[in-house]
Amino acid sequence: MTSDQVDKNVGYDPGSFDVPPIFRSTPQPFQMLKWFLFKFMWYQSILWIFISFICYRYFTPELSNFVRLEIEPLFLIWLRNVSIMLLIVGGQHWYLYSKKRQGSDFKYDSRWLAKKRHSFTFNDQTKDNMFWSLTSGCGIAALYEVAMFYLHANAYIGRVDSIIPTVLTTVSLFWLSSIHFYANHRLLHVKPLYEVVHSVHHRNVNTGPWSGISMHPFEHLIYFSLPLFFIFIPASPFLVTFSLIYLLLAPSPSHSGFHRYRFGKKDIPAADYFHYLHHKYFDCNYGTILFPLDKWFDTFHDGSEQAHTKIIQKRMLRGNIN
């Protein structure tokens, strides 16, 4: 599908945006602190931390259960992952797409999710996305968590449980995740890997909440590898659960297809327009807005008409479009 074909389906356009204040031509550290606390952290990032704490504290087996590698703890963590995704991701899908409670208000693409389309597993976009998310996605995330807990339970890796280091590492993980995502995402756009692996995710041009981690199993292995950093960085086992819950849930609003969620007369931030543009154009915005590697590597699309024209010109030079 070409960009011109996609453009015919444009719905809500939130306009252009900029990199975070600290990365602008004139750095603004105080504005950056405000942006980070009240735009990036509140409300979604705080929500992911809270949900991760509840999952770790109440719905994860004790560390002593991981001294040996056994099936039961793995199954329980997979079941926990599936349950929280059905609740959080399924809830968004139910509200926005099953019941269409806010209609097409704030919806980027005027189309609804695809049905009877052979490019999707089961010929249905939602069923396809749910299948890859709940089986491979939740399963491989559970494998990583069990493997890391095994290392912790046997004291093969360092552990730090103090409150201040844990809080600082939790916040730092957002930045580390941004770098990790950009690196593996650029790798997945190399032609052989894209065609065989990443194309499963990019079936979703018009995304929905379940599109977030709908990926090929090999991509899940790369995507969920973030907690491997804690083999080298001593940290609380909570950080393992948090990193994986964050990777499971955070893509759902960013792929929801709606810029904001409307509840009556009030609305709150929802999708990440930065990442939506990646699904729309494919060859821009590979990372996240938090750490603008795309800006530095000349793959940044700021939502403006000028950026759209620049992408089309690049494709013409490469011979991708006529």
Protein backbone atom coordinates (compact mmCIF):
# COMPACT_ATOMS: atom_id res chain seq x y z
CA MET A 1 0.00 0.00 0.00
CA THR A 2 1.39 3.39 -0.95
CA SER A 3 1.36 6.52 1.17
CA ASP A 4 -1.06 8.13 -1.29
CA GLN A 5 -3.53 5.30 -0.74
CA VAL A 6 -3.15 5.57 3.03
CA ASP A 7 -3.65 9.35 2.92
CA LYS A 8 -7.16 8.89 1.50
CA ASN A 9 -8.13 7.33 4.82
CA VAL A 10 -6.91 10.17 7.04
CA GLY A 11 -9.15 10.97 9.96
CA TYR A 12 -8.07 13.05 12.94
CA ASP A 13 -4.87 15.03 12.45
CA PRO A 14 -3.34 16.32 15.72
CA GLY A 15 -0.82 18.46 13.84
CA SER A 16 2.95 18.57 14.09
CA PHE A 17 5.04 18.01 17.22
CA ASP A 18 8.61 18.53 18.37
CA VAL A 19 11.25 16.54 20.21
CA PRO A 20 11.32 16.83 24.04
CA PRO A 21 12.51 20.24 25.33
CA ILE A 22 15.98 19.10 26.38
CA PHE A 23 16.79 17.96 22.82
CA ARG A 24 15.73 21.13 20.99
CA SER A 25 18.19 23.54 19.37
CA THR A 26 18.05 25.59 22.58
CA PRO A 27 17.80 23.02 25.41
CA GLN A 28 15.14 23.78 28.01
CA PRO A 29 15.93 21.71 31.14
CA PHE A 30 13.11 23.04 33.31
CA GLN A 31 10.58 22.59 30.52
CA MET A 32 11.99 19.09 30.06
CA LEU A 33 11.33 18.23 33.69
CA LYS A 34 7.76 19.48 33.34
CA TRP A 35 7.29 17.57 30.07
CA PHE A 36 8.71 14.38 31.55
CA LEU A 37 6.62 14.47 34.74
CA PHE A 38 3.30 15.72 33.40
CA LYS A 39 3.26 14.47 29.83
CA PHE A 40 5.44 11.36 29.66
CA MET A 41 5.07 9.95 33.18
CA TRP A 42 1.50 11.08 33.83
CA TYR A 43 -0.65 9.20 33.39
CA GLN A 44 0.36 6.20 31.32
CA SER A 45 3.90 5.54 32.59
CA ILE A 46 2.74 5.81 36.20
CA LEU A 47 -0.07 3.39 35.38
CA TRP A 48 2.35 0.79 33.97
CA ILE A 49 4.51 1.02 37.10
CA PHE A 50 1.46 0.60 39.35
CA ILE A 51 0.11 -2.38 37.39
CA SER A 52 3.57 -3.97 37.41
CA PHE A 53 3.81 -3.59 41.17
CA ILE A 54 0.39 -5.24 41.65
CA CYS A 55 1.38 -8.08 39.31
CA TYR A 56 4.73 -8.59 41.05
CA ARG A 57 3.37 -8.33 44.59
CA TYR A 58 0.18 -10.35 44.27
CA PHE A 59 0.19 -12.40 41.04
CA THR A 60 3.76 -13.64 40.66
CA PRO A 61 5.08 -16.77 42.42
CA GLU A 62 7.65 -16.24 45.16
CA LEU A 63 11.28 -16.20 44.02
CA SER A 64 11.93 -19.50 45.83
CA ASN A 65 9.71 -21.20 43.22
CA PHE A 66 12.31 -20.48 40.55
CA VAL A 67 15.34 -22.25 42.05
CA ARG A 68 14.62 -24.99 39.51
CA LEU A 69 13.17 -24.48 36.05
CA GLU A 70 9.68 -25.97 36.18
CA ILE A 71 6.53 -25.72 34.08
CA GLU A 72 4.08 -24.59 36.78
CA PRO A 73 5.62 -21.15 37.52
CA LEU A 74 5.98 -20.56 33.78
CA PHE A 75 2.34 -21.39 33.21
CA LEU A 76 1.22 -19.13 36.08
CA ILE A 77 3.17 -16.16 34.71
CA TRP A 78 1.84 -16.78 31.19
CA LEU A 79 -1.68 -16.95 32.64
CA ARG A 80 -1.06 -13.70 34.55
CA ASN A 81 0.15 -12.04 31.36
CA VAL A 82 -2.86 -13.23 29.37
CA SER A 83 -5.25 -12.09 32.10
CA ILE A 84 -3.81 -8.59 32.40
CA MET A 85 -3.80 -8.17 28.61
CA LEU A 86 -7.40 -9.30 28.31
CA LEU A 87 -8.31 -6.77 30.98
CA ILE A 88 -6.24 -3.76 29.81
CA VAL A 89 -5.88 -4.30 26.07
CA GLY A 90 -9.21 -6.05 25.70
CA GLY A 91 -10.89 -3.25 27.63
CA GLN A 92 -9.56 -0.65 25.21
CA HIS A 93 -10.65 -2.70 22.20
CA TRP A 94 -14.12 -3.24 23.68
CA TYR A 95 -14.58 0.48 24.37
CA LEU A 96 -13.17 1.80 21.10
CA TYR A 97 -14.00 -0.89 18.54
CA SER A 98 -16.61 -3.33 19.83
CA LYS A 99 -18.92 -0.72 21.35
CA LYS A 100 -17.46 2.29 19.48
CA ARG A 101 -18.24 4.43 22.51
CA GLN A 102 -16.59 7.53 21.07
CA GLY A 103 -17.31 6.81 17.43
CA SER A 104 -14.48 8.08 15.23
CA ASP A 105 -13.65 11.07 17.44
CA PHE A 106 -9.85 11.49 17.57
CA LYS A 107 -9.38 8.46 15.25
CA TYR A 108 -6.32 8.80 12.97
CA ASP A 109 -7.60 6.51 10.22
CA SER A 110 -11.20 6.69 9.04
CA ARG A 111 -11.33 2.92 8.47
CA TRP A 112 -12.24 0.36 11.12
CA LEU A 113 -10.25 -2.83 11.71
CA ALA A 114 -10.11 -5.28 8.81
CA LYS A 115 -12.30 -8.37 8.45
CA LYS A 116 -12.23 -11.02 5.72
CA ARG A 117 -8.71 -10.06 4.66
CA HIS A 118 -6.38 -12.91 3.70
CA SER A 119 -3.23 -11.08 4.84
CA PHE A 120 -4.26 -11.68 8.46
CA THR A 121 -4.27 -14.98 10.35
CA PHE A 122 -7.89 -16.24 10.46
CA ASN A 123 -8.65 -13.57 7.79
CA ASP A 124 -9.46 -11.15 10.60
CA GLN A 125 -7.23 -8.38 11.97
CA THR A 126 -8.46 -8.55 15.57
CA LYS A 127 -8.25 -12.35 15.78
CA ASP A 128 -4.80 -12.24 14.16
CA ASN A 129 -3.54 -9.63 16.62
CA MET A 130 -5.00 -11.40 19.66
CA PHE A 131 -3.53 -14.75 18.60
CA TRP A 132 0.05 -13.49 18.20
CA SER A 133 -0.18 -11.32 21.33
CA LEU A 134 -1.64 -13.88 23.73
CA THR A 135 0.25 -16.96 22.56
CA SER A 136 3.71 -15.96 21.37
CA GLY A 137 3.80 -12.54 23.04
CA CYS A 138 2.65 -13.53 26.52
CA GLY A 139 4.50 -16.84 26.29
CA ILE A 140 7.92 -15.45 25.35
CA ALA A 141 7.57 -12.65 27.93
CA ALA A 142 6.90 -15.37 30.53
CA LEU A 143 9.97 -17.32 29.39
CA TYR A 144 12.18 -14.27 29.89
CA GLU A 145 10.72 -13.59 33.33
CA VAL A 146 11.19 -17.19 34.46
CA ALA A 147 14.77 -17.25 33.15
CA MET A 148 15.65 -14.01 34.96
CA PHE A 149 13.97 -15.16 38.19
CA TYR A 150 15.94 -18.41 37.95
CA LEU A 151 19.16 -16.36 37.87
CA HIS A 152 17.98 -14.26 40.81
CA ALA A 153 16.79 -17.25 42.85
CA ASN A 154 20.19 -18.90 42.51
CA ALA A 155 22.13 -15.66 43.12
CA TYR A 156 23.79 -15.90 39.72
CA ILE A 157 23.24 -12.17 39.15
CA GLY A 158 23.44 -9.11 41.38
CA ARG A 159 20.43 -7.83 43.28
CA VAL A 160 19.66 -4.43 44.83
CA ASP A 161 16.39 -4.02 46.74
CA SER A 162 16.82 -0.56 48.28
CA ILE A 163 14.02 1.88 47.50
CA ILE A 164 16.03 4.77 46.03
CA PRO A 165 18.10 2.65 43.56
CA THR A 166 14.93 0.81 42.53
CA VAL A 167 13.04 4.05 41.88
CA LEU A 168 15.95 5.51 39.92
CA THR A 169 16.39 2.35 37.87
CA THR A 170 12.65 2.21 37.18
CA VAL A 171 12.70 5.72 35.75
CA SER A 172 15.94 5.06 33.87
CA LEU A 173 14.39 2.00 32.29
CA PHE A 174 12.15 4.20 30.12
CA TRP A 175 15.26 5.75 28.56
CA LEU A 176 17.05 2.42 28.23
CA SER A 177 13.94 0.90 26.66
CA SER A 178 13.85 3.71 24.10
CA ILE A 179 17.42 2.99 22.97
CA HIS A 180 16.81 -0.77 23.00
CA PHE A 181 13.64 -0.41 20.92
CA TYR A 182 15.25 1.86 18.32
CA ALA A 183 18.20 -0.52 17.87
CA ASN A 184 16.16 -3.69 17.46
CA HIS A 185 13.50 -1.95 15.38
CA ARG A 186 16.03 -0.64 12.86
CA LEU A 187 17.48 -4.15 12.66
CA LEU A 188 14.04 -5.58 11.90
CA HIS A 189 13.61 -3.18 9.00
CA VAL A 190 16.61 -4.72 7.21
CA LYS A 191 15.04 -6.38 4.17
CA PRO A 192 15.40 -10.13 4.92
CA LEU A 193 14.24 -9.73 8.53
CA TYR A 194 11.47 -7.35 7.54
CA GLU A 195 10.03 -9.68 4.91
CA VAL A 196 10.15 -12.82 7.04
CA VAL A 197 9.62 -11.42 10.55
CA HIS A 198 8.63 -7.77 11.02
CA SER A 199 6.06 -7.81 8.21
CA VAL A 200 3.75 -9.72 10.60
CA HIS A 201 3.52 -6.62 12.77
CA HIS A 202 3.30 -4.25 9.78
CA ARG A 203 0.21 -5.96 8.44
CA ASN A 204 -1.33 -3.40 10.74
CA VAL A 205 -1.28 -0.12 8.82
CA ASN A 206 -4.53 0.89 10.50
CA THR A 207 -3.73 -0.16 14.06
CA GLY A 208 -5.85 -1.13 17.06
CA PRO A 209 -5.04 -1.89 20.73
CA TRP A 210 -4.30 -5.55 19.99
CA SER A 211 -1.82 -4.55 17.25
CA GLY A 212 0.74 -3.41 19.84
CA ILE A 213 2.61 -6.67 20.35
CA SER A 214 1.14 -8.65 17.45
CA MET A 215 4.48 -9.92 16.15
CA HIS A 216 6.34 -12.90 14.75
CA PRO A 217 7.81 -15.09 17.57
CA PHE A 218 11.36 -14.17 16.51
CA GLU A 219 10.49 -10.49 16.90
CA HIS A 220 9.08 -11.24 20.35
CA LEU A 221 12.43 -12.80 21.29
CA ILE A 222 14.18 -9.55 20.37
CA TYR A 223 11.50 -7.18 21.66
CA PHE A 224 11.22 -8.78 25.12
CA SER A 225 15.00 -9.05 25.61
CA LEU A 226 15.09 -5.78 27.59
CA PRO A 227 15.39 -7.48 31.04
CA LEU A 228 18.64 -9.13 29.93
CA PHE A 229 20.30 -5.82 30.83
CA PHE A 230 19.77 -6.82 34.47
CA ILE A 231 22.28 -9.62 34.06
CA PHE A 232 24.86 -6.83 34.09
CA ILE A 233 23.01 -4.16 36.13
CA PRO A 234 22.23 -5.27 39.71
CA ALA A 235 18.58 -4.51 40.43
CA SER A 236 15.47 -5.71 42.22
CA PRO A 237 13.63 -8.65 40.62
CA PHE A 238 10.68 -6.25 40.43
CA LEU A 239 12.48 -4.53 37.55
CA VAL A 240 12.26 -7.76 35.55
CA THR A 241 8.49 -7.88 35.97
CA PHE A 242 8.14 -4.16 35.33
CA SER A 243 10.19 -4.20 32.13
CA LEU A 244 8.08 -7.05 30.72
CA ILE A 245 4.68 -5.75 31.84
CA TYR A 246 5.62 -2.38 30.38
CA LEU A 247 6.53 -3.98 27.05
CA LEU A 248 3.29 -5.98 27.08
CA LEU A 249 0.89 -3.15 27.88
CA ALA A 250 2.39 0.18 26.81
CA PRO A 251 2.00 -0.52 23.05
CA SER A 252 -1.78 -0.92 23.38
CA PRO A 253 -2.72 2.77 23.76
CA SER A 254 0.08 3.82 21.40
CA HIS A 255 -1.43 1.53 18.73
CA SER A 256 -5.06 2.21 19.64
CA GLY A 257 -5.59 4.39 16.58
CA PHE A 258 -7.18 7.12 18.71
CA HIS A 259 -5.25 10.21 19.72
CA ARG A 260 -7.37 10.65 22.84
CA TYR A 261 -9.91 8.63 24.82
CA ARG A 262 -13.20 10.40 25.36
CA PHE A 263 -15.33 9.75 28.44
CA GLY A 264 -18.42 11.92 28.33
CA LYS A 265 -17.26 15.51 28.07
CA LYS A 266 -13.71 14.73 29.18
CA ASP A 267 -10.86 13.24 27.19
CA ILE A 268 -7.38 12.00 28.07
CA PRO A 269 -4.25 11.20 25.98
CA ALA A 270 -4.26 7.84 24.21
CA ALA A 271 -2.22 6.94 21.13
CA ASP A 272 1.31 7.94 20.31
CA TYR A 273 1.04 9.91 17.04
CA PHE A 274 4.81 9.60 16.66
CA HIS A 275 4.55 5.80 16.36
CA TYR A 276 1.31 5.90 14.35
CA LEU A 277 3.26 7.73 11.63
CA HIS A 278 5.70 4.82 11.54
CA HIS A 279 2.87 2.43 10.72
CA LYS A 280 1.55 4.86 8.14
CA TYR A 281 4.84 5.51 6.32
CA PHE A 282 7.00 2.51 7.40
CA ASP A 283 10.39 4.24 7.01
CA CYS A 284 10.38 6.87 9.76
CA ASN A 285 10.04 7.15 13.57
CA TYR A 286 11.70 3.84 14.40
CA GLY A 287 12.27 4.73 18.06
CA THR A 288 10.27 6.69 20.61
CA ILE A 289 9.73 10.38 21.17
CA LEU A 290 11.38 10.20 24.62
CA PHE A 291 14.90 9.75 23.21
CA PRO A 292 14.87 11.20 19.68
CA LEU A 293 17.39 9.00 17.91
CA ASP A 294 15.26 9.42 14.78
CA LYS A 295 16.01 13.12 14.79
CA TRP A 296 19.74 12.47 14.89
CA PHE A 297 19.64 9.72 12.23
CA ASP A 298 17.38 11.69 9.88
CA THR A 299 14.34 9.40 10.15
CA PHE A 300 12.18 11.81 12.15
CA HIS A 301 8.64 12.62 10.99
CA ASP A 302 7.06 15.43 13.01
CA GLY A 303 3.58 15.12 11.53
CA SER A 304 3.97 18.15 9.28
CA GLU A 305 3.24 18.41 5.57
CA GLN A 306 6.93 19.19 5.00
CA ALA A 307 7.94 15.88 6.61
CA HIS A 308 5.44 14.01 4.43
CA THR A 309 6.88 15.64 1.30
CA LYS A 310 10.42 14.77 2.42
CA ILE A 311 9.54 11.08 2.78
CA ILE A 312 7.91 10.98 -0.66
CA GLN A 313 10.98 12.63 -2.20
CA LYS A 314 13.29 10.09 -0.53
CA ARG A 315 11.22 7.23 -1.92
CA MET A 316 11.28 8.70 -5.39
CA LEU A 317 15.08 8.90 -5.24
CA ARG A 318 15.23 5.25 -4.17
CA GLY A 319 12.77 4.27 -6.92
CA ASN A 320 10.18 2.97 -4.46
CA ILE A 321 7.34 4.93 -6.01
CA ASN A 322 6.77 6.46 -9.42
